[in-house]
N, C-alpha and C. Protein backbone atom coordinates (compact mmCIF):
# COMPACT_ATOMS: atom_id res chain seq x y z
N MET A 1 148.56 83.51 44.26
CA MET A 1 149.16 84.02 43.13
C MET A 1 150.71 83.92 43.17
N SER A 2 151.29 83.72 44.43
CA SER A 2 152.63 83.58 44.53
C SER A 2 153.19 82.34 43.63
N ASN A 3 152.36 81.37 43.58
CA ASN A 3 152.78 80.21 42.78
C ASN A 3 153.15 80.59 41.37
N LEU A 4 152.44 81.47 40.87
CA LEU A 4 152.70 81.88 39.49
C LEU A 4 153.99 82.56 39.30
N ILE A 5 154.38 83.39 40.33
CA ILE A 5 155.66 84.01 40.34
C ILE A 5 156.76 82.99 40.35
N ASP A 6 156.48 81.79 41.10
CA ASP A 6 157.48 80.82 41.20
C ASP A 6 157.59 79.97 39.96
N LEU A 7 156.68 80.08 39.18
CA LEU A 7 156.69 79.35 37.86
C LEU A 7 157.15 80.29 36.70
N TRP A 8 157.85 81.47 36.99
CA TRP A 8 158.17 82.37 36.00
C TRP A 8 159.04 81.82 34.80
N LEU A 9 159.97 80.81 35.39
CA LEU A 9 160.96 80.28 34.34
C LEU A 9 160.15 79.52 33.23
N PRO A 10 159.39 78.53 33.64
CA PRO A 10 158.59 77.71 32.52
C PRO A 10 157.66 78.72 31.68
N ILE A 11 157.08 79.69 32.40
CA ILE A 11 156.17 80.62 31.62
C ILE A 11 156.99 81.43 30.60
N LEU A 12 158.11 81.99 30.92
CA LEU A 12 158.86 82.75 29.89
C LEU A 12 159.54 81.82 29.01
N ALA A 13 160.09 80.66 29.46
CA ALA A 13 160.87 79.79 28.54
C ALA A 13 159.86 79.26 27.40
N SER A 14 158.67 78.82 27.90
CA SER A 14 157.70 78.21 26.95
C SER A 14 157.28 79.35 25.90
N ALA A 15 157.00 80.48 26.38
CA ALA A 15 156.67 81.64 25.53
C ALA A 15 157.82 81.94 24.41
N ALA A 16 159.04 81.87 24.84
CA ALA A 16 160.17 82.12 23.92
C ALA A 16 160.30 81.01 22.98
N ILE A 17 160.16 79.74 23.36
CA ILE A 17 160.31 78.55 22.55
C ILE A 17 159.16 78.50 21.65
N VAL A 18 157.89 78.75 21.95
CA VAL A 18 156.82 78.71 21.08
C VAL A 18 156.89 79.78 20.07
N PHE A 19 157.36 81.09 20.53
CA PHE A 19 157.61 82.08 19.66
C PHE A 19 158.50 81.80 18.54
N VAL A 20 159.68 81.19 18.86
CA VAL A 20 160.66 80.74 17.79
C VAL A 20 159.97 79.71 16.92
N ALA A 21 159.35 78.65 17.51
CA ALA A 21 158.71 77.73 16.68
C ALA A 21 157.60 78.21 15.79
N SER A 22 156.93 79.25 16.25
CA SER A 22 155.87 79.81 15.26
C SER A 22 156.52 80.47 14.22
N SER A 23 157.65 81.18 14.46
CA SER A 23 158.30 81.94 13.32
C SER A 23 158.91 80.89 12.39
N ILE A 24 159.42 79.76 12.79
CA ILE A 24 159.93 78.72 11.84
C ILE A 24 158.81 78.13 11.03
N ILE A 25 157.60 77.85 11.78
CA ILE A 25 156.51 77.30 11.07
C ILE A 25 156.01 78.21 9.98
N TRP A 26 155.85 79.40 10.28
CA TRP A 26 155.33 80.41 9.31
C TRP A 26 156.21 80.93 8.19
N MET A 27 157.53 80.81 8.48
CA MET A 27 158.55 81.25 7.59
C MET A 27 159.06 80.08 6.74
N ALA A 28 159.30 78.97 7.22
CA ALA A 28 160.07 77.87 6.61
C ALA A 28 159.25 76.79 6.16
N LEU A 29 158.11 76.50 6.73
CA LEU A 29 157.34 75.29 6.33
C LEU A 29 156.29 75.79 5.36
N PRO A 30 155.88 74.91 4.38
CA PRO A 30 154.88 75.34 3.45
C PRO A 30 153.49 75.17 3.87
N ILE A 31 153.26 74.83 5.10
CA ILE A 31 151.84 74.57 5.60
C ILE A 31 150.91 75.79 5.58
N HIS A 32 151.35 76.93 5.66
CA HIS A 32 150.56 78.19 5.56
C HIS A 32 150.75 78.94 4.33
N LYS A 33 151.42 78.42 3.46
CA LYS A 33 151.84 79.13 2.07
C LYS A 33 150.60 79.68 1.40
N ASN A 34 149.51 78.89 1.41
CA ASN A 34 148.30 79.30 0.69
C ASN A 34 147.14 79.78 1.48
N ASP A 35 147.47 80.21 2.80
CA ASP A 35 146.36 80.51 3.75
C ASP A 35 145.62 81.75 3.16
N TYR A 36 146.44 82.86 2.59
CA TYR A 36 145.86 84.00 2.27
C TYR A 36 146.02 84.22 0.79
N LYS A 37 145.03 84.94 0.17
CA LYS A 37 145.14 85.13 -1.18
C LYS A 37 145.15 86.63 -1.65
N GLY A 38 145.76 86.97 -2.66
CA GLY A 38 145.78 88.31 -2.99
C GLY A 38 144.55 88.54 -4.08
N ALA A 39 144.23 89.83 -4.28
CA ALA A 39 143.02 90.05 -5.14
C ALA A 39 143.49 90.33 -6.49
N ALA A 40 144.76 90.07 -6.84
CA ALA A 40 145.21 90.25 -8.28
C ALA A 40 144.85 91.65 -8.81
N ALA A 41 144.22 91.61 -10.00
CA ALA A 41 144.04 92.86 -10.76
C ALA A 41 142.90 93.69 -9.92
N ALA A 42 142.02 93.00 -9.14
CA ALA A 42 141.03 93.75 -8.27
C ALA A 42 141.59 94.48 -7.23
N GLU A 43 142.96 94.25 -6.76
CA GLU A 43 143.50 94.87 -5.70
C GLU A 43 143.42 96.37 -5.64
N GLY A 44 143.85 97.02 -6.89
CA GLY A 44 143.79 98.50 -6.90
C GLY A 44 142.60 99.03 -6.83
N PRO A 45 141.50 98.56 -7.54
CA PRO A 45 140.10 99.21 -7.41
C PRO A 45 139.60 98.91 -6.01
N LEU A 46 139.82 97.73 -5.40
CA LEU A 46 139.38 97.50 -4.02
C LEU A 46 140.08 98.53 -3.01
N LEU A 47 141.33 98.70 -3.10
CA LEU A 47 141.97 99.72 -2.31
C LEU A 47 141.45 101.08 -2.47
N ASP A 48 141.24 101.44 -3.73
CA ASP A 48 140.71 102.80 -4.12
C ASP A 48 139.42 102.90 -3.33
N THR A 49 138.52 101.97 -3.44
CA THR A 49 137.20 101.90 -2.90
C THR A 49 137.35 102.09 -1.36
N LEU A 50 138.19 101.29 -0.81
CA LEU A 50 138.21 101.37 0.73
C LEU A 50 138.78 102.71 1.15
N ARG A 51 139.70 103.21 0.35
CA ARG A 51 140.18 104.60 0.75
C ARG A 51 139.14 105.64 0.58
N ALA A 52 138.38 105.59 -0.42
CA ALA A 52 137.25 106.56 -0.70
C ALA A 52 136.20 106.31 0.44
N ALA A 53 135.96 105.19 0.88
CA ALA A 53 134.95 104.97 1.93
C ALA A 53 135.37 105.54 3.32
N ALA A 54 136.78 105.60 3.48
CA ALA A 54 137.35 106.19 4.76
C ALA A 54 136.78 105.54 5.96
N LEU A 55 136.65 104.22 5.92
CA LEU A 55 136.17 103.40 7.02
C LEU A 55 137.25 103.53 8.23
N LYS A 56 136.69 103.68 9.41
CA LYS A 56 137.41 103.65 10.60
C LYS A 56 138.01 102.26 10.74
N PRO A 57 139.05 102.08 11.59
CA PRO A 57 139.49 100.61 11.85
C PRO A 57 138.51 99.84 12.57
N GLY A 58 138.31 98.70 12.11
CA GLY A 58 137.23 97.90 12.71
C GLY A 58 136.98 96.61 11.86
N VAL A 59 135.99 95.91 12.02
CA VAL A 59 135.58 94.69 11.22
C VAL A 59 134.29 94.95 10.63
N TYR A 60 134.15 94.81 9.33
CA TYR A 60 132.87 95.18 8.62
C TYR A 60 132.30 93.98 8.03
N MET A 61 131.07 93.83 8.02
CA MET A 61 130.38 92.68 7.35
C MET A 61 129.54 93.17 6.17
N LEU A 62 129.74 92.48 5.01
CA LEU A 62 128.96 92.83 3.78
C LEU A 62 128.24 91.65 3.30
N PRO A 63 127.06 91.70 2.88
CA PRO A 63 126.10 92.88 3.12
C PRO A 63 125.74 92.89 4.62
N TRP A 64 125.36 94.05 5.10
CA TRP A 64 125.06 94.43 6.37
C TRP A 64 123.59 94.28 6.50
N CYS A 65 123.10 93.38 7.45
CA CYS A 65 121.59 93.24 7.62
C CYS A 65 121.04 94.02 8.78
N ASN A 66 121.80 94.59 9.64
CA ASN A 66 121.21 95.45 10.71
C ASN A 66 120.29 94.84 11.65
N GLY A 67 120.46 93.57 11.86
CA GLY A 67 119.59 92.94 12.78
C GLY A 67 118.12 93.00 12.48
N GLY A 68 117.79 92.96 11.20
CA GLY A 68 116.45 92.96 10.62
C GLY A 68 115.75 94.27 10.74
N LYS A 69 116.44 95.37 11.09
CA LYS A 69 115.83 96.75 11.19
C LYS A 69 115.63 97.42 9.82
N ASP A 70 116.44 96.95 8.94
CA ASP A 70 116.31 97.44 7.44
C ASP A 70 115.10 96.74 6.79
N ASN A 71 114.88 97.15 5.63
CA ASN A 71 113.88 96.58 4.76
C ASN A 71 114.19 95.00 4.47
N ALA A 72 113.35 94.17 5.10
CA ALA A 72 113.65 92.74 5.21
C ALA A 72 113.81 92.25 3.70
N GLU A 73 112.96 92.63 2.81
CA GLU A 73 113.07 92.14 1.41
C GLU A 73 114.38 92.52 0.76
N ALA A 74 114.82 93.76 0.97
CA ALA A 74 116.07 94.29 0.37
C ALA A 74 117.19 93.58 1.00
N THR A 75 117.17 93.30 2.24
CA THR A 75 118.23 92.53 2.98
C THR A 75 118.36 91.18 2.47
N LYS A 76 117.28 90.49 2.27
CA LYS A 76 117.23 89.16 1.83
C LYS A 76 117.65 89.09 0.51
N ALA A 77 117.39 89.98 -0.40
CA ALA A 77 117.98 89.94 -1.73
C ALA A 77 119.38 90.17 -1.79
N LYS A 78 120.04 91.14 -0.97
CA LYS A 78 121.41 91.33 -0.90
C LYS A 78 122.11 90.03 -0.36
N MET A 79 121.55 89.41 0.58
CA MET A 79 122.22 88.14 1.09
C MET A 79 122.16 87.07 0.13
N ALA A 80 121.08 86.97 -0.66
CA ALA A 80 121.00 85.91 -1.64
C ALA A 80 121.92 86.12 -2.86
N ALA A 81 122.05 87.50 -3.31
CA ALA A 81 122.96 87.76 -4.40
C ALA A 81 124.37 87.48 -4.04
N GLY A 82 124.74 87.71 -2.71
CA GLY A 82 126.20 87.61 -2.47
C GLY A 82 127.14 88.54 -3.21
N PRO A 83 128.42 88.47 -3.09
CA PRO A 83 129.18 87.57 -2.14
C PRO A 83 129.04 88.27 -0.78
N TRP A 84 129.35 87.43 0.23
CA TRP A 84 129.37 87.90 1.64
C TRP A 84 130.84 88.14 1.88
N ALA A 85 131.22 89.07 2.70
CA ALA A 85 132.56 89.45 2.96
C ALA A 85 132.71 89.90 4.43
N MET A 86 133.85 89.68 4.97
CA MET A 86 134.25 90.30 6.21
C MET A 86 135.51 91.02 5.98
N ILE A 87 135.44 92.39 6.23
CA ILE A 87 136.67 93.22 5.91
C ILE A 87 137.25 93.76 7.29
N TYR A 88 138.51 93.39 7.42
CA TYR A 88 139.21 93.95 8.59
C TYR A 88 140.01 95.21 8.18
N VAL A 89 139.66 96.38 8.72
CA VAL A 89 140.27 97.61 8.39
C VAL A 89 141.25 98.00 9.54
N MET A 90 142.60 98.02 9.27
CA MET A 90 143.51 98.44 10.27
C MET A 90 144.07 99.82 10.02
N LYS A 91 144.47 100.41 11.05
CA LYS A 91 145.03 101.85 10.92
C LYS A 91 146.62 101.75 10.72
N GLY A 92 147.10 102.77 10.11
CA GLY A 92 148.49 102.89 10.04
C GLY A 92 149.23 101.93 9.18
N ASN A 93 150.55 101.88 9.27
CA ASN A 93 151.26 100.93 8.44
C ASN A 93 151.36 99.54 9.07
N CYS A 94 151.46 98.59 8.15
CA CYS A 94 151.53 97.15 8.62
C CYS A 94 152.94 97.01 9.20
N GLY A 95 153.07 97.08 10.59
CA GLY A 95 154.32 96.79 11.24
C GLY A 95 154.47 95.52 11.87
N MET A 96 155.37 94.71 11.49
CA MET A 96 155.53 93.45 12.04
C MET A 96 156.20 93.49 13.46
N GLY A 97 156.84 94.40 13.79
CA GLY A 97 157.57 94.53 15.11
C GLY A 97 156.56 94.56 16.18
N ARG A 98 155.47 95.42 16.05
CA ARG A 98 154.48 95.54 17.05
C ARG A 98 153.63 94.28 17.13
N THR A 99 153.36 93.73 15.97
CA THR A 99 152.57 92.40 15.91
C THR A 99 153.27 91.26 16.61
N LEU A 100 154.61 91.24 16.34
CA LEU A 100 155.38 90.13 16.86
C LEU A 100 155.48 90.34 18.39
N GLY A 101 155.60 91.70 18.82
CA GLY A 101 155.65 91.97 20.28
C GLY A 101 154.44 91.51 20.92
N LEU A 102 153.30 91.76 20.33
CA LEU A 102 151.99 91.39 20.95
C LEU A 102 151.79 89.88 20.91
N TRP A 103 152.24 89.22 19.84
CA TRP A 103 152.26 87.80 19.91
C TRP A 103 152.97 87.20 21.00
N PHE A 104 154.21 87.77 21.29
CA PHE A 104 154.98 87.25 22.50
C PHE A 104 154.17 87.55 23.82
N VAL A 105 153.58 88.68 23.94
CA VAL A 105 152.81 89.00 25.09
C VAL A 105 151.74 88.02 25.33
N HIS A 106 151.07 87.70 24.14
CA HIS A 106 150.00 86.70 24.17
C HIS A 106 150.55 85.31 24.68
N LEU A 107 151.74 84.97 24.12
CA LEU A 107 152.30 83.60 24.60
C LEU A 107 152.52 83.65 26.12
N VAL A 108 153.02 84.68 26.63
CA VAL A 108 153.22 84.83 28.18
C VAL A 108 151.96 84.72 28.85
N ILE A 109 150.84 85.31 28.37
CA ILE A 109 149.63 85.34 29.05
C ILE A 109 149.15 83.82 29.01
N VAL A 110 149.30 83.15 27.86
CA VAL A 110 148.90 81.76 27.85
C VAL A 110 149.72 80.97 28.79
N GLY A 111 150.98 81.19 28.95
CA GLY A 111 151.87 80.47 29.96
C GLY A 111 151.40 80.80 31.40
N VAL A 112 151.00 81.98 31.63
CA VAL A 112 150.43 82.36 33.02
C VAL A 112 149.30 81.54 33.27
N PHE A 113 148.24 81.47 32.46
CA PHE A 113 147.11 80.61 32.73
C PHE A 113 147.34 79.17 32.70
N VAL A 114 148.20 78.73 31.91
CA VAL A 114 148.61 77.31 31.97
C VAL A 114 149.27 76.99 33.24
N ALA A 115 150.14 77.88 33.72
CA ALA A 115 150.78 77.73 35.01
C ALA A 115 149.76 77.65 36.06
N TYR A 116 148.77 78.61 35.94
CA TYR A 116 147.72 78.68 36.93
C TYR A 116 146.99 77.40 37.16
N VAL A 117 146.61 76.83 35.82
CA VAL A 117 145.91 75.51 36.02
C VAL A 117 146.76 74.39 36.52
N ALA A 118 147.98 74.33 36.09
CA ALA A 118 148.93 73.26 36.49
C ALA A 118 149.29 73.43 37.97
N SER A 119 149.31 74.59 38.44
CA SER A 119 149.69 74.73 39.89
C SER A 119 148.57 74.28 40.83
N HIS A 120 147.36 74.15 40.23
CA HIS A 120 146.06 73.76 41.06
C HIS A 120 145.64 72.32 40.58
N ALA A 121 146.58 71.70 39.91
CA ALA A 121 146.07 70.35 39.46
C ALA A 121 146.56 69.26 40.52
N ASN A 122 147.02 69.58 41.62
CA ASN A 122 147.32 68.56 42.66
C ASN A 122 148.43 67.54 42.10
N LEU A 123 149.51 68.04 41.52
CA LEU A 123 150.52 67.26 41.00
C LEU A 123 151.44 66.75 42.08
N GLY A 124 151.28 67.22 43.20
CA GLY A 124 152.27 66.80 44.39
C GLY A 124 153.58 67.46 44.29
N PRO A 125 154.39 67.14 45.35
CA PRO A 125 155.73 67.84 45.51
C PRO A 125 156.69 67.65 44.41
N ALA A 126 156.78 66.44 43.96
CA ALA A 126 157.71 66.08 43.04
C ALA A 126 156.99 65.23 41.83
N PRO A 127 156.27 65.90 41.06
CA PRO A 127 155.44 65.24 40.02
C PRO A 127 156.34 64.67 38.93
N HIS A 128 155.91 63.51 38.46
CA HIS A 128 156.45 62.86 37.27
C HIS A 128 156.46 63.74 36.05
N TYR A 129 157.43 63.76 35.20
CA TYR A 129 157.42 64.54 33.89
C TYR A 129 156.12 64.50 33.17
N LEU A 130 155.59 63.12 33.03
CA LEU A 130 154.40 62.97 32.31
C LEU A 130 153.21 63.53 32.85
N SER A 131 153.15 63.63 34.21
CA SER A 131 151.95 64.20 34.81
C SER A 131 151.84 65.61 34.53
N VAL A 132 153.01 66.33 34.63
CA VAL A 132 153.03 67.79 34.32
C VAL A 132 152.68 67.89 32.84
N PHE A 133 153.39 67.10 31.97
CA PHE A 133 153.15 67.27 30.52
C PHE A 133 151.71 67.10 30.11
N ARG A 134 150.96 66.16 30.70
CA ARG A 134 149.63 65.87 30.38
C ARG A 134 148.64 67.17 30.74
N VAL A 135 148.87 67.60 31.91
CA VAL A 135 148.06 68.71 32.46
C VAL A 135 148.35 70.05 31.58
N VAL A 136 149.60 70.31 31.47
CA VAL A 136 150.00 71.50 30.80
C VAL A 136 149.68 71.48 29.32
N GLY A 137 149.82 70.23 28.82
CA GLY A 137 149.58 70.06 27.30
C GLY A 137 148.05 70.21 26.97
N ALA A 138 147.26 69.83 27.95
CA ALA A 138 145.73 69.89 27.76
C ALA A 138 145.37 71.30 27.89
N ALA A 139 145.91 71.94 28.87
CA ALA A 139 145.49 73.54 29.10
C ALA A 139 146.05 74.24 27.96
N ALA A 140 147.32 73.96 27.54
CA ALA A 140 147.78 74.68 26.43
C ALA A 140 147.12 74.54 25.10
N LEU A 141 146.55 73.29 24.86
CA LEU A 141 145.90 73.01 23.59
C LEU A 141 144.62 73.78 23.67
N LEU A 142 143.94 73.86 24.74
CA LEU A 142 142.68 74.72 24.78
C LEU A 142 142.93 76.20 24.51
N ALA A 143 144.06 76.63 25.04
CA ALA A 143 144.56 78.10 24.72
C ALA A 143 144.80 78.22 23.26
N HIS A 144 145.57 77.35 22.62
CA HIS A 144 146.05 77.62 21.21
C HIS A 144 145.10 77.21 20.13
N ALA A 145 144.23 76.11 20.53
CA ALA A 145 143.23 75.68 19.42
C ALA A 145 141.86 75.89 19.74
N GLY A 146 141.68 76.62 20.96
CA GLY A 146 140.16 76.73 21.32
C GLY A 146 139.33 77.69 20.46
N TYR A 147 139.93 78.55 19.58
CA TYR A 147 139.18 79.39 18.83
C TYR A 147 139.33 79.09 17.38
N ALA A 148 139.99 78.02 17.07
CA ALA A 148 140.30 77.65 15.60
C ALA A 148 138.92 77.33 14.93
N LEU A 149 138.13 76.56 15.51
CA LEU A 149 136.90 76.11 14.86
C LEU A 149 135.83 77.23 14.82
N PRO A 150 135.65 78.03 15.89
CA PRO A 150 134.87 79.26 15.84
C PRO A 150 135.13 80.13 14.77
N MET A 151 136.55 80.26 14.43
CA MET A 151 136.90 81.20 13.45
C MET A 151 136.39 80.78 12.05
N CYS A 152 136.40 79.44 11.80
CA CYS A 152 135.62 78.98 10.55
C CYS A 152 134.10 79.24 10.60
N ILE A 153 133.60 78.87 11.71
CA ILE A 153 132.14 79.00 11.89
C ILE A 153 131.66 80.42 11.85
N TRP A 154 132.25 81.33 12.58
CA TRP A 154 131.66 82.64 12.74
C TRP A 154 132.44 83.76 11.98
N HIS A 155 133.66 83.62 11.67
CA HIS A 155 134.44 84.54 11.07
C HIS A 155 134.80 84.29 9.55
N ALA A 156 134.15 83.41 9.00
CA ALA A 156 134.21 82.99 7.51
C ALA A 156 135.72 82.64 7.20
N HIS A 157 136.49 82.22 8.09
CA HIS A 157 137.85 81.63 7.71
C HIS A 157 137.62 80.38 6.89
N PRO A 158 138.30 80.17 5.81
CA PRO A 158 137.98 79.02 4.95
C PRO A 158 138.27 77.75 5.88
N TRP A 159 137.54 76.68 5.59
CA TRP A 159 137.67 75.46 6.40
C TRP A 159 139.14 74.88 6.05
N SER A 160 139.62 75.14 4.86
CA SER A 160 140.84 74.63 4.52
C SER A 160 142.01 75.10 5.38
N LEU A 161 141.77 76.21 6.12
CA LEU A 161 142.79 76.73 7.13
C LEU A 161 142.78 75.91 8.50
N LEU A 162 141.79 75.23 8.74
CA LEU A 162 141.62 74.57 10.07
C LEU A 162 142.69 73.65 10.37
N PRO A 163 143.06 72.64 9.40
CA PRO A 163 144.13 71.70 9.67
C PRO A 163 145.36 72.51 10.04
N GLY A 164 145.78 73.51 9.33
CA GLY A 164 147.00 74.29 9.69
C GLY A 164 146.99 74.86 11.13
N LYS A 165 145.74 75.46 11.47
CA LYS A 165 145.72 76.16 12.70
C LYS A 165 145.81 75.02 13.81
N LEU A 166 145.20 73.88 13.52
CA LEU A 166 145.23 72.75 14.53
C LEU A 166 146.65 72.23 14.64
N PHE A 167 147.36 72.09 13.55
CA PHE A 167 148.75 71.71 13.54
C PHE A 167 149.57 72.69 14.36
N ASP A 168 149.48 73.93 14.13
CA ASP A 168 150.22 74.96 14.93
C ASP A 168 149.81 74.83 16.40
N ALA A 169 148.55 74.60 16.76
CA ALA A 169 148.23 74.47 18.20
C ALA A 169 148.80 73.24 18.81
N VAL A 170 148.84 72.19 18.06
CA VAL A 170 149.39 70.93 18.76
C VAL A 170 150.82 71.09 18.98
N VAL A 171 151.60 71.63 18.01
CA VAL A 171 152.97 71.86 18.19
C VAL A 171 153.36 72.88 19.37
N TYR A 172 152.58 74.00 19.35
CA TYR A 172 152.80 74.98 20.37
C TYR A 172 152.43 74.24 21.79
N SER A 173 151.34 73.45 21.81
CA SER A 173 150.97 72.88 23.10
C SER A 173 152.14 71.77 23.56
N LEU A 174 152.51 71.06 22.69
CA LEU A 174 153.64 70.03 22.99
C LEU A 174 154.92 70.72 23.43
N LEU A 175 155.23 71.80 22.81
CA LEU A 175 156.43 72.57 23.19
C LEU A 175 156.16 73.13 24.62
N THR A 176 155.04 73.68 24.85
CA THR A 176 154.70 74.35 26.17
C THR A 176 154.70 73.16 27.22
N ALA A 177 154.08 72.02 26.93
CA ALA A 177 154.05 70.94 27.82
C ALA A 177 155.43 70.53 28.13
N GLY A 178 156.26 70.35 27.16
CA GLY A 178 157.64 69.87 27.35
C GLY A 178 158.56 70.69 28.19
N THR A 179 158.29 72.11 27.93
CA THR A 179 159.08 73.11 28.69
C THR A 179 158.66 73.08 30.13
N PHE A 180 157.34 73.05 30.38
CA PHE A 180 156.96 73.08 31.76
C PHE A 180 157.30 71.79 32.45
N ALA A 181 157.13 70.65 31.80
CA ALA A 181 157.61 69.39 32.48
C ALA A 181 159.00 69.36 32.77
N TRP A 182 159.88 69.88 31.86
CA TRP A 182 161.34 69.93 31.94
C TRP A 182 161.69 70.71 33.03
N LEU A 183 161.16 71.99 33.17
CA LEU A 183 161.51 72.99 34.27
C LEU A 183 160.74 72.97 35.45
N TRP A 184 159.66 72.09 35.54
CA TRP A 184 158.81 72.03 36.71
C TRP A 184 159.49 71.64 37.99
N PRO A 185 160.33 70.56 38.06
CA PRO A 185 160.83 70.25 39.41
C PRO A 185 161.66 71.40 40.07
N LYS A 186 162.24 72.23 39.24
CA LYS A 186 163.02 73.32 39.87
C LYS A 186 161.96 74.42 40.33
N ALA A 187 161.02 74.63 39.52
CA ALA A 187 159.99 75.62 39.93
C ALA A 187 159.10 75.11 41.13
N ALA A 188 158.81 73.75 40.98
CA ALA A 188 157.90 73.22 42.03
C ALA A 188 158.52 73.24 43.44
N ALA A 189 159.86 73.10 43.49
CA ALA A 189 160.70 73.07 44.68
C ALA A 189 160.51 74.41 45.47
N ALA A 190 160.22 75.48 44.74
CA ALA A 190 160.08 76.76 45.32
C ALA A 190 158.61 77.13 45.79
N ILE A 191 157.66 76.21 45.46
CA ILE A 191 156.32 76.45 45.78
C ILE A 191 155.90 75.65 47.15
N PRO A 192 155.71 76.32 48.17
CA PRO A 192 155.44 75.64 49.50
C PRO A 192 154.23 74.87 49.42
N ALA A 193 153.22 75.30 48.68
CA ALA A 193 151.90 74.46 48.65
C ALA A 193 152.02 73.17 47.87
N LEU A 194 153.08 73.01 47.06
CA LEU A 194 153.27 71.75 46.35
C LEU A 194 154.28 70.86 47.11
N GLN A 195 154.74 71.18 48.17
CA GLN A 195 155.72 70.30 48.91
C GLN A 195 155.02 69.63 50.06
N GLY A 196 153.78 69.56 49.90
CA GLY A 196 153.12 68.73 51.00
C GLY A 196 152.32 69.60 51.84
């Protein structure tokens, strides 16, 4: 575990760089401009219905089939009639500060696991930039893109969002790989296991 402590600089630097890049991608580029849709005139009635339902925070599936324990014919009819929906109910106000803080923590966690993989990849005492870049890039891509496809398959995210999610993942992975490869020689020099 001490190797991870020795790799603190690329872990934190990559998290900070990806954090800034994600902010630029989401605020300045048009790629995610149409990811989410408003409910237009239906918003008021939908919000009133949700308030009246007093649902606890969680994820709700509509229609609910209860694993076949309900009346099978009624469930089949609800499923056929549609629409299907997945509703995320969150508590409290929508605070970006907390969300951005959690996003940064997530990026640090990704960096820790990427460092773990890279530190066990037998890169040698003074690995070439490209060697570190390839290992870290592959591990980071798994972390950033690994759940993009299942989100479309299991969580009803529109398939049109997949290219944008993959674009983000590739950018984040390249930045993480570049940061680790750039800072690796200094970090690797402090790791006895990597010095032979």
